[in-house]
């Protein structure tokens, strides 16, 4: 299942990794393991953040997705299922509208 993952890095743990020169290597290690379809880094709610798109085989893979961020950077992680346009087209919205509208 395709997921969008929001990662928010607390200021001081990430600052320390930047100061000691390990931030880049730590990020690379995590990203190499996760192999996201896309990864973007930005600010979110005033914090350094990442937005990743990953495809998980099943929900049991969520800890392997989240724990590296928790353990390495004390980051907050949100995981949300998402759909491609073709997924939405196959969702049967018309029938749901008839049944529930």
PDB file of N, CA and C in Angstrom:
ATOM      1  N   UNK A   1       0.842  -1.174   0.000  1.00  0.00           N
ATOM      2  CA  UNK A   1       0.000   0.000   0.000  1.00  0.00           C
ATOM      3  C   UNK A   1       0.892   1.243   0.000  1.00  0.00           C
ATOM      4  N   UNK A   2       0.547   2.173  -0.851  1.00  0.00           N
ATOM      5  CA  UNK A   2       1.318   3.414  -0.962  1.00  0.00           C
ATOM      6  C   UNK A   2       0.976   4.309   0.238  1.00  0.00           C
ATOM      7  N   UNK A   3       2.017   4.888   0.832  1.00  0.00           N
ATOM      8  CA  UNK A   3       1.863   5.748   2.004  1.00  0.00           C
ATOM      9  C   UNK A   3       2.612   7.054   1.797  1.00  0.00           C
ATOM     10  N   UNK A   4       2.039   8.106   2.364  1.00  0.00           N
ATOM     11  CA  UNK A   4       2.787   9.356   2.484  1.00  0.00           C
ATOM     12  C   UNK A   4       3.255   9.416   3.931  1.00  0.00           C
ATOM     13  N   UNK A   5       4.508   9.734   4.108  1.00  0.00           N
ATOM     14  CA  UNK A   5       5.119   9.748   5.431  1.00  0.00           C
ATOM     15  C   UNK A   5       5.654  11.149   5.690  1.00  0.00           C
ATOM     16  N   UNK A   6       5.208  11.727   6.798  1.00  0.00           N
ATOM     17  CA  UNK A   6       5.713  13.023   7.240  1.00  0.00           C
ATOM     18  C   UNK A   6       6.661  12.782   8.403  1.00  0.00           C
ATOM     19  N   UNK A   7       7.868  13.295   8.289  1.00  0.00           N
ATOM     20  CA  UNK A   7       8.866  13.161   9.346  1.00  0.00           C
ATOM     21  C   UNK A   7       9.232  14.562   9.801  1.00  0.00           C
ATOM     22  N   UNK A   8       9.116  14.821  11.103  1.00  0.00           N
ATOM     23  CA  UNK A   8       9.468  16.132  11.661  1.00  0.00           C
ATOM     24  C   UNK A   8      10.609  15.948  12.647  1.00  0.00           C
ATOM     25  N   UNK A   9      11.664  16.709  12.453  1.00  0.00           N
ATOM     26  CA  UNK A   9      12.876  16.563  13.244  1.00  0.00           C
ATOM     27  C   UNK A   9      12.923  17.616  14.350  1.00  0.00           C
ATOM     28  N   UNK A  10      13.029  17.205  15.616  1.00  0.00           N
ATOM     29  CA  UNK A  10      13.184  18.185  16.684  1.00  0.00           C
ATOM     30  C   UNK A  10      14.487  18.956  16.481  1.00  0.00           C
ATOM     31  N   UNK A  11      14.471  20.204  16.851  1.00  0.00           N
ATOM     32  CA  UNK A  11      15.594  21.090  16.542  1.00  0.00           C
ATOM     33  C   UNK A  11      16.913  20.579  17.113  1.00  0.00           C
ATOM     34  N   UNK A  12      16.985  20.338  18.410  1.00  0.00           N
ATOM     35  CA  UNK A  12      18.291  20.060  19.005  1.00  0.00           C
ATOM     36  C   UNK A  12      18.907  18.728  18.601  1.00  0.00           C
ATOM     37  N   UNK A  13      18.173  17.617  18.576  1.00  0.00           N
ATOM     38  CA  UNK A  13      18.837  16.394  18.111  1.00  0.00           C
ATOM     39  C   UNK A  13      19.372  16.518  16.682  1.00  0.00           C
ATOM     40  N   UNK A  14      18.613  17.200  15.811  1.00  0.00           N
ATOM     41  CA  UNK A  14      19.100  17.355  14.436  1.00  0.00           C
ATOM     42  C   UNK A  14      20.262  18.339  14.383  1.00  0.00           C
ATOM     43  N   UNK A  15      20.192  19.422  15.180  1.00  0.00           N
ATOM     44  CA  UNK A  15      21.322  20.361  15.242  1.00  0.00           C
ATOM     45  C   UNK A  15      22.598  19.636  15.644  1.00  0.00           C
ATOM     46  N   UNK A  16      22.512  18.756  16.622  1.00  0.00           N
ATOM     47  CA  UNK A  16      23.695  18.028  17.087  1.00  0.00           C
ATOM     48  C   UNK A  16      24.274  17.177  15.963  1.00  0.00           C
ATOM     49  N   UNK A  17      23.412  16.528  15.184  1.00  0.00           N
ATOM     50  CA  UNK A  17      23.899  15.723  14.056  1.00  0.00           C
ATOM     51  C   UNK A  17      24.543  16.602  12.990  1.00  0.00           C
ATOM     52  N   UNK A  18      24.003  17.792  12.787  1.00  0.00           N
ATOM     53  CA  UNK A  18      24.610  18.735  11.844  1.00  0.00           C
ATOM     54  C   UNK A  18      25.976  19.179  12.379  1.00  0.00           C
ATOM     55  N   UNK A  19      26.024  19.533  13.669  1.00  0.00           N
ATOM     56  CA  UNK A  19      27.284  20.003  14.272  1.00  0.00           C
ATOM     57  C   UNK A  19      28.379  18.946  14.211  1.00  0.00           C
ATOM     58  N   UNK A  20      28.022  17.680  14.502  1.00  0.00           N
ATOM     59  CA  UNK A  20      29.077  16.654  14.525  1.00  0.00           C
ATOM     60  C   UNK A  20      29.335  16.053  13.143  1.00  0.00           C
ATOM     61  N   UNK A  21      28.606  16.533  12.135  1.00  0.00           N
ATOM     62  CA  UNK A  21      28.848  16.105  10.761  1.00  0.00           C
ATOM     63  C   UNK A  21      28.202  14.793  10.373  1.00  0.00           C
ATOM     64  N   UNK A  22      27.314  14.256  11.208  1.00  0.00           N
ATOM     65  CA  UNK A  22      26.729  12.943  10.915  1.00  0.00           C
ATOM     66  C   UNK A  22      25.352  13.004  10.262  1.00  0.00           C
ATOM     67  N   UNK A  23      24.762  14.169  10.148  1.00  0.00           N
ATOM     68  CA  UNK A  23      23.380  14.276   9.644  1.00  0.00           C
ATOM     69  C   UNK A  23      23.232  13.664   8.250  1.00  0.00           C
ATOM     70  N   UNK A  24      24.095  14.015   7.340  1.00  0.00           N
ATOM     71  CA  UNK A  24      23.993  13.521   5.970  1.00  0.00           C
ATOM     72  C   UNK A  24      24.119  12.012   5.874  1.00  0.00           C
ATOM     73  N   UNK A  25      25.087  11.445   6.569  1.00  0.00           N
ATOM     74  CA  UNK A  25      25.286   9.994   6.531  1.00  0.00           C
ATOM     75  C   UNK A  25      24.117   9.259   7.166  1.00  0.00           C
ATOM     76  N   UNK A  26      23.587   9.810   8.245  1.00  0.00           N
ATOM     77  CA  UNK A  26      22.433   9.182   8.903  1.00  0.00           C
ATOM     78  C   UNK A  26      21.207   9.211   7.996  1.00  0.00           C
ATOM     79  N   UNK A  27      20.966  10.350   7.360  1.00  0.00           N
ATOM     80  CA  UNK A  27      19.831  10.458   6.438  1.00  0.00           C
ATOM     81  C   UNK A  27      19.998   9.487   5.278  1.00  0.00           C
ATOM     82  N   UNK A  28      21.197   9.421   4.723  1.00  0.00           N
ATOM     83  CA  UNK A  28      21.454   8.527   3.592  1.00  0.00           C
ATOM     84  C   UNK A  28      21.211   7.072   3.979  1.00  0.00           C
ATOM     85  N   UNK A  29      21.656   6.675   5.157  1.00  0.00           N
ATOM     86  CA  UNK A  29      21.461   5.296   5.606  1.00  0.00           C
ATOM     87  C   UNK A  29      19.979   4.947   5.684  1.00  0.00           C
ATOM     88  N   UNK A  30      19.193   5.848   6.268  1.00  0.00           N
ATOM     89  CA  UNK A  30      17.758   5.597   6.392  1.00  0.00           C
ATOM     90  C   UNK A  30      17.104   5.544   5.014  1.00  0.00           C
ATOM     91  N   UNK A  31      17.401   6.519   4.169  1.00  0.00           N
ATOM     92  CA  UNK A  31      16.783   6.565   2.842  1.00  0.00           C
ATOM     93  C   UNK A  31      17.196   5.377   1.978  1.00  0.00           C
ATOM     94  N   UNK A  32      18.444   4.950   2.095  1.00  0.00           N
ATOM     95  CA  UNK A  32      18.896   3.772   1.339  1.00  0.00           C
ATOM     96  C   UNK A  32      18.133   2.526   1.766  1.00  0.00           C
ATOM     97  N   UNK A  33      17.810   2.429   3.042  1.00  0.00           N
ATOM     98  CA  UNK A  33      17.058   1.273   3.542  1.00  0.00           C
ATOM     99  C   UNK A  33      15.598   1.342   3.108  1.00  0.00           C
ATOM    100  N   UNK A  34      14.987   2.525   3.207  1.00  0.00           N
ATOM    101  CA  UNK A  34      13.559   2.666   2.918  1.00  0.00           C
ATOM    102  C   UNK A  34      13.241   2.675   1.432  1.00  0.00           C
ATOM    103  N   UNK A  35      14.168   3.153   0.625  1.00  0.00           N
ATOM    104  CA  UNK A  35      13.966   3.246  -0.824  1.00  0.00           C
ATOM    105  C   UNK A  35      12.627   3.910  -1.186  1.00  0.00           C
ATOM    106  N   UNK A  36      12.415   5.152  -0.743  1.00  0.00           N
ATOM    107  CA  UNK A  36      11.148   5.824  -1.066  1.00  0.00           C
ATOM    108  C   UNK A  36      11.024   6.074  -2.562  1.00  0.00           C
ATOM    109  N   UNK A  37       9.776   6.114  -3.037  1.00  0.00           N
ATOM    110  CA  UNK A  37       9.522   6.489  -4.429  1.00  0.00           C
ATOM    111  C   UNK A  37       9.903   7.941  -4.645  1.00  0.00           C
ATOM    112  N   UNK A  38       9.689   8.754  -3.620  1.00  0.00           N
ATOM    113  CA  UNK A  38      10.051  10.177  -3.660  1.00  0.00           C
ATOM    114  C   UNK A  38      10.363  10.620  -2.245  1.00  0.00           C
ATOM    115  N   UNK A  39      11.244  11.588  -2.122  1.00  0.00           N
ATOM    116  CA  UNK A  39      11.580  12.163  -0.817  1.00  0.00           C
ATOM    117  C   UNK A  39      11.828  13.649  -1.004  1.00  0.00           C
ATOM    118  N   UNK A  40      11.145  14.446  -0.212  1.00  0.00           N
ATOM    119  CA  UNK A  40      11.278  15.897  -0.257  1.00  0.00           C
ATOM    120  C   UNK A  40      11.556  16.391   1.151  1.00  0.00           C
ATOM    121  N   UNK A  41      12.380  17.417   1.259  1.00  0.00           N
ATOM    122  CA  UNK A  41      12.710  17.985   2.564  1.00  0.00           C
ATOM    123  C   UNK A  41      12.345  19.449   2.559  1.00  0.00           C
ATOM    124  N   UNK A  42      11.668  19.864   3.619  1.00  0.00           N
ATOM    125  CA  UNK A  42      11.078  21.195   3.690  1.00  0.00           C
ATOM    126  C   UNK A  42      10.898  21.567   5.154  1.00  0.00           C
ATOM    127  N   UNK A  43      10.191  22.654   5.389  1.00  0.00           N
ATOM    128  CA  UNK A  43       9.768  22.962   6.753  1.00  0.00           C
ATOM    129  C   UNK A  43       8.299  22.579   6.872  1.00  0.00           C
ATOM    130  N   UNK A  44       7.897  22.186   8.051  1.00  0.00           N
ATOM    131  CA  UNK A  44       6.500  21.855   8.322  1.00  0.00           C
ATOM    132  C   UNK A  44       6.238  22.210   9.773  1.00  0.00           C
ATOM    133  N   UNK A  45       5.277  23.075   9.983  1.00  0.00           N
ATOM    134  CA  UNK A  45       4.956  23.532  11.337  1.00  0.00           C
ATOM    135  C   UNK A  45       6.193  24.088  12.046  1.00  0.00           C
ATOM    136  N   UNK A  46       7.044  24.775  11.291  1.00  0.00           N
ATOM    137  CA  UNK A  46       8.215  25.422  11.866  1.00  0.00           C
ATOM    138  C   UNK A  46       9.380  24.505  12.182  1.00  0.00           C
ATOM    139  N   UNK A  47       9.333  23.267  11.720  1.00  0.00           N
ATOM    140  CA  UNK A  47      10.430  22.337  11.983  1.00  0.00           C
ATOM    141  C   UNK A  47      10.995  21.793  10.677  1.00  0.00           C
ATOM    142  N   UNK A  48      12.258  21.398  10.724  1.00  0.00           N
ATOM    143  CA  UNK A  48      12.813  20.654   9.597  1.00  0.00           C
ATOM    144  C   UNK A  48      11.963  19.409   9.409  1.00  0.00           C
ATOM    145  N   UNK A  49      11.645  19.099   8.164  1.00  0.00           N
ATOM    146  CA  UNK A  49      10.740  17.981   7.909  1.00  0.00           C
ATOM    147  C   UNK A  49      11.066  17.294   6.598  1.00  0.00           C
ATOM    148  N   UNK A  50      10.580  16.080   6.491  1.00  0.00           N
ATOM    149  CA  UNK A  50      10.662  15.328   5.262  1.00  0.00           C
ATOM    150  C   UNK A  50       9.291  14.813   4.899  1.00  0.00           C
ATOM    151  N   UNK A  51       9.058  14.683   3.599  1.00  0.00           N
ATOM    152  CA  UNK A  51       7.825  14.104   3.077  1.00  0.00           C
ATOM    153  C   UNK A  51       8.257  12.993   2.123  1.00  0.00           C
ATOM    154  N   UNK A  52       7.872  11.776   2.436  1.00  0.00           N
ATOM    155  CA  UNK A  52       8.291  10.628   1.642  1.00  0.00           C
ATOM    156  C   UNK A  52       7.067   9.896   1.105  1.00  0.00           C
ATOM    157  N   UNK A  53       7.220   9.317  -0.058  1.00  0.00           N
ATOM    158  CA  UNK A  53       6.226   8.419  -0.613  1.00  0.00           C
ATOM    159  C   UNK A  53       6.870   7.034  -0.639  1.00  0.00           C
ATOM    160  N   UNK A  54       6.228   6.086   0.045  1.00  0.00           N
ATOM    161  CA  UNK A  54       6.752   4.721   0.107  1.00  0.00           C
ATOM    162  C   UNK A  54       5.635   3.742  -0.229  1.00  0.00           C
ATOM    163  N   UNK A  55       6.016   2.584  -0.700  1.00  0.00           N
ATOM    164  CA  UNK A  55       5.046   1.531  -0.984  1.00  0.00           C
ATOM    165  C   UNK A  55       5.341   0.379  -0.031  1.00  0.00           C
ATOM    166  N   UNK A  56       4.421   0.130   0.903  1.00  0.00           N
ATOM    167  CA  UNK A  56       4.603  -0.921   1.893  1.00  0.00           C
ATOM    168  C   UNK A  56       3.799  -2.158   1.492  1.00  0.00           C
ATOM    169  N   UNK A  57       4.405  -3.313   1.655  1.00  0.00           N
ATOM    170  CA  UNK A  57       3.721  -4.565   1.330  1.00  0.00           C
ATOM    171  C   UNK A  57       2.532  -4.787   2.256  1.00  0.00           C
ATOM    172  N   UNK A  58       2.703  -4.448   3.546  1.00  0.00           N
ATOM    173  CA  UNK A  58       1.614  -4.599   4.507  1.00  0.00           C
ATOM    174  C   UNK A  58       1.933  -3.776   5.753  1.00  0.00           C
ATOM    175  N   UNK A  59       0.960  -3.699   6.645  1.00  0.00           N
ATOM    176  CA  UNK A  59       1.086  -2.847   7.835  1.00  0.00           C
ATOM    177  C   UNK A  59       2.222  -3.275   8.755  1.00  0.00           C
ATOM    178  N   UNK A  60       2.636  -4.524   8.699  1.00  0.00           N
ATOM    179  CA  UNK A  60       3.726  -4.976   9.567  1.00  0.00           C
ATOM    180  C   UNK A  60       5.050  -4.297   9.236  1.00  0.00           C
ATOM    181  N   UNK A  61       5.119  -3.625   8.094  1.00  0.00           N
ATOM    182  CA  UNK A  61       6.346  -2.920   7.689  1.00  0.00           C
ATOM    183  C   UNK A  61       6.433  -1.515   8.279  1.00  0.00           C
ATOM    184  N   UNK A  62       5.384  -1.034   8.920  1.00  0.00           N
ATOM    185  CA  UNK A  62       5.387   0.326   9.464  1.00  0.00           C
ATOM    186  C   UNK A  62       6.489   0.529  10.504  1.00  0.00           C
ATOM    187  N   UNK A  63       6.715  -0.391  11.449  1.00  0.00           N
ATOM    188  CA  UNK A  63       7.821  -0.160  12.393  1.00  0.00           C
ATOM    189  C   UNK A  63       9.182  -0.010  11.715  1.00  0.00           C
ATOM    190  N   UNK A  64       9.451  -0.808  10.684  1.00  0.00           N
ATOM    191  CA  UNK A  64      10.729  -0.683   9.972  1.00  0.00           C
ATOM    192  C   UNK A  64      10.838   0.649   9.252  1.00  0.00           C
ATOM    193  N   UNK A  65       9.708   1.232   8.917  1.00  0.00           N
ATOM    194  CA  UNK A  65       9.667   2.548   8.287  1.00  0.00           C
ATOM    195  C   UNK A  65       9.900   3.658   9.313  1.00  0.00           C
ATOM    196  N   UNK A  66       9.274   3.549  10.468  1.00  0.00           N
ATOM    197  CA  UNK A  66       9.285   4.631  11.452  1.00  0.00           C
ATOM    198  C   UNK A  66      10.463   4.594  12.424  1.00  0.00           C
ATOM    199  N   UNK A  67      10.840   3.411  12.878  1.00  0.00           N
ATOM    200  CA  UNK A  67      11.853   3.323  13.933  1.00  0.00           C
ATOM    201  C   UNK A  67      13.191   3.978  13.598  1.00  0.00           C
ATOM    202  N   UNK A  68      13.704   3.871  12.370  1.00  0.00           N
ATOM    203  CA  UNK A  68      14.967   4.565  12.101  1.00  0.00           C
ATOM    204  C   UNK A  68      14.898   6.069  12.377  1.00  0.00           C
ATOM    205  N   UNK A  69      13.766   6.683  12.053  1.00  0.00           N
ATOM    206  CA  UNK A  69      13.610   8.124  12.305  1.00  0.00           C
ATOM    207  C   UNK A  69      13.513   8.401  13.805  1.00  0.00           C
ATOM    208  N   UNK A  70      12.717   7.573  14.511  1.00  0.00           N
ATOM    209  CA  UNK A  70      12.578   7.744  15.963  1.00  0.00           C
ATOM    210  C   UNK A  70      13.932   7.604  16.655  1.00  0.00           C
ATOM    211  N   UNK A  71      14.618   6.509  16.356  1.00  0.00           N
ATOM    212  CA  UNK A  71      15.845   6.181  17.077  1.00  0.00           C
ATOM    213  C   UNK A  71      17.030   7.059  16.691  1.00  0.00           C
ATOM    214  N   UNK A  72      17.073   7.479  15.451  1.00  0.00           N
ATOM    215  CA  UNK A  72      18.218   8.267  14.980  1.00  0.00           C
ATOM    216  C   UNK A  72      18.086   9.748  15.313  1.00  0.00           C
ATOM    217  N   UNK A  73      16.893  10.307  15.111  1.00  0.00           N
ATOM    218  CA  UNK A  73      16.715  11.757  15.258  1.00  0.00           C
ATOM    219  C   UNK A  73      15.658  12.160  16.274  1.00  0.00           C
ATOM    220  N   UNK A  74      15.047  11.198  16.966  1.00  0.00           N
ATOM    221  CA  UNK A  74      13.934  11.495  17.892  1.00  0.00           C
ATOM    222  C   UNK A  74      12.803  12.189  17.136  1.00  0.00           C
ATOM    223  N   UNK A  75      12.628  11.831  15.892  1.00  0.00           N
ATOM    224  CA  UNK A  75      11.663  12.490  15.013  1.00  0.00           C
ATOM    225  C   UNK A  75      10.236  12.046  15.311  1.00  0.00           C
ATOM    226  N   UNK A  76       9.292  12.904  14.938  1.00  0.00           N
ATOM    227  CA  UNK A  76       7.879  12.535  14.923  1.00  0.00           C
ATOM    228  C   UNK A  76       7.576  12.014  13.524  1.00  0.00           C
ATOM    229  N   UNK A  77       6.783  10.951  13.441  1.00  0.00           N
ATOM    230  CA  UNK A  77       6.484  10.313  12.164  1.00  0.00           C
ATOM    231  C   UNK A  77       4.978  10.124  12.043  1.00  0.00           C
ATOM    232  N   UNK A  78       4.429  10.538  10.906  1.00  0.00           N
ATOM    233  CA  UNK A  78       3.027  10.295  10.577  1.00  0.00           C
ATOM    234  C   UNK A  78       2.997   9.458   9.302  1.00  0.00           C
ATOM    235  N   UNK A  79       2.153   8.442   9.287  1.00  0.00           N
ATOM    236  CA  UNK A  79       2.027   7.556   8.131  1.00  0.00           C
ATOM    237  C   UNK A  79       0.560   7.540   7.708  1.00  0.00           C
ATOM    238  N   UNK A  80       0.302   7.898   6.443  1.00  0.00           N
ATOM    239  CA  UNK A  80      -1.064   7.978   5.936  1.00  0.00           C
ATOM    240  C   UNK A  80      -1.167   7.241   4.605  1.00  0.00           C
ATOM    241  N   UNK A  81      -2.190   6.372   4.445  1.00  0.00           N
ATOM    242  CA  UNK A  81      -2.378   5.736   3.146  1.00  0.00           C
ATOM    243  C   UNK A  81      -2.815   6.776   2.114  1.00  0.00           C
ATOM    244  N   UNK A  82      -2.341   6.596   0.887  1.00  0.00           N
ATOM    245  CA  UNK A  82      -2.712   7.493  -0.215  1.00  0.00           C
ATOM    246  C   UNK A  82      -3.047   6.663  -1.447  1.00  0.00           C
ATOM    247  N   UNK A  83      -3.737   7.306  -2.393  1.00  0.00           N
ATOM    248  CA  UNK A  83      -4.130   6.629  -3.632  1.00  0.00           C
ATOM    249  C   UNK A  83      -3.609   7.398  -4.836  1.00  0.00           C
ATOM    250  N   UNK A  84      -3.336   6.663  -5.890  1.00  0.00           N
ATOM    251  CA  UNK A  84      -3.079   7.251  -7.192  1.00  0.00           C
ATOM    252  C   UNK A  84      -4.431   7.541  -7.847  1.00  0.00           C
ATOM    253  N   UNK A  85      -4.466   8.369  -8.885  1.00  0.00           N
ATOM    254  CA  UNK A  85      -5.746   8.620  -9.562  1.00  0.00           C
ATOM    255  C   UNK A  85      -6.441   7.339 -10.009  1.00  0.00           C
ATOM    256  N   UNK A  86      -5.690   6.353 -10.502  1.00  0.00           N
ATOM    257  CA  UNK A  86      -6.316   5.109 -10.942  1.00  0.00           C
ATOM    258  C   UNK A  86      -6.885   4.317  -9.758  1.00  0.00           C
ATOM    259  N   UNK A  87      -6.286   4.444  -8.578  1.00  0.00           N
ATOM    260  CA  UNK A  87      -6.846   3.804  -7.387  1.00  0.00           C
ATOM    261  C   UNK A  87      -8.199   4.428  -7.041  1.00  0.00           C
ATOM    262  N   UNK A  88      -8.244   5.743  -7.087  1.00  0.00           N
ATOM    263  CA  UNK A  88      -9.490   6.445  -6.791  1.00  0.00           C
ATOM    264  C   UNK A  88     -10.561   6.086  -7.823  1.00  0.00           C
ATOM    265  N   UNK A  89     -10.161   5.980  -9.090  1.00  0.00           N
ATOM    266  CA  UNK A  89     -11.117   5.621 -10.144  1.00  0.00           C
ATOM    267  C   UNK A  89     -11.697   4.224  -9.924  1.00  0.00           C
ATOM    268  N   UNK A  90     -10.912   3.333  -9.328  1.00  0.00           N
ATOM    269  CA  UNK A  90     -11.370   1.966  -9.087  1.00  0.00           C
ATOM    270  C   UNK A  90     -12.092   1.805  -7.751  1.00  0.00           C
ATOM    271  N   UNK A  91     -12.260   2.893  -7.021  1.00  0.00           N
ATOM    272  CA  UNK A  91     -12.823   2.806  -5.666  1.00  0.00           C
ATOM    273  C   UNK A  91     -14.330   2.614  -5.632  1.00  0.00           C
ATOM    274  N   UNK A  92     -15.009   2.799  -6.756  1.00  0.00           N
ATOM    275  CA  UNK A  92     -16.446   2.616  -6.781  1.00  0.00           C
ATOM    276  C   UNK A  92     -17.230   3.750  -6.154  1.00  0.00           C
ATOM    277  N   UNK A  93     -16.762   4.979  -6.328  1.00  0.00           N
ATOM    278  CA  UNK A  93     -17.443   6.134  -5.728  1.00  0.00           C
ATOM    279  C   UNK A  93     -18.884   6.278  -6.192  1.00  0.00           C
ATOM    280  N   UNK A  94     -19.143   5.948  -7.462  1.00  0.00           N
ATOM    281  CA  UNK A  94     -20.510   6.087  -7.983  1.00  0.00           C
ATOM    282  C   UNK A  94     -21.475   5.194  -7.213  1.00  0.00           C
ATOM    283  N   UNK A  95     -21.080   3.946  -6.994  1.00  0.00           N
ATOM    284  CA  UNK A  95     -21.912   3.014  -6.246  1.00  0.00           C
ATOM    285  C   UNK A  95     -22.070   3.442  -4.804  1.00  0.00           C
ATOM    286  N   UNK A  96     -21.013   3.964  -4.217  1.00  0.00           N
ATOM    287  CA  UNK A  96     -21.096   4.445  -2.834  1.00  0.00           C
ATOM    288  C   UNK A  96     -22.049   5.616  -2.733  1.00  0.00           C
ATOM    289  N   UNK A  97     -22.000   6.490  -3.746  1.00  0.00           N
ATOM    290  CA  UNK A  97     -22.908   7.631  -3.765  1.00  0.00           C
ATOM    291  C   UNK A  97     -24.359   7.177  -3.837  1.00  0.00           C
ATOM    292  N   UNK A  98     -24.617   6.144  -4.639  1.00  0.00           N
ATOM    293  CA  UNK A  98     -25.995   5.618  -4.737  1.00  0.00           C
ATOM    294  C   UNK A  98     -26.426   4.967  -3.438  1.00  0.00           C
ATOM    295  N   UNK A  99     -25.514   4.228  -2.819  1.00  0.00           N
ATOM    296  CA  UNK A  99     -25.840   3.517  -1.584  1.00  0.00           C
ATOM    297  C   UNK A  99     -25.972   4.440  -0.379  1.00  0.00           C
ATOM    298  N   UNK A 100     -25.166   5.484  -0.342  1.00  0.00           N
ATOM    299  CA  UNK A 100     -25.084   6.306   0.861  1.00  0.00           C
ATOM    300  C   UNK A 100     -25.533   7.744   0.667  1.00  0.00           C
ATOM    301  N   UNK A 101     -25.809   8.143  -0.565  1.00  0.00           N
ATOM    302  CA  UNK A 101     -26.160   9.535  -0.836  1.00  0.00           C
ATOM    303  C   UNK A 101     -27.596   9.766  -0.629  1.00  0.00           C
TER     304      UNK A 101
END
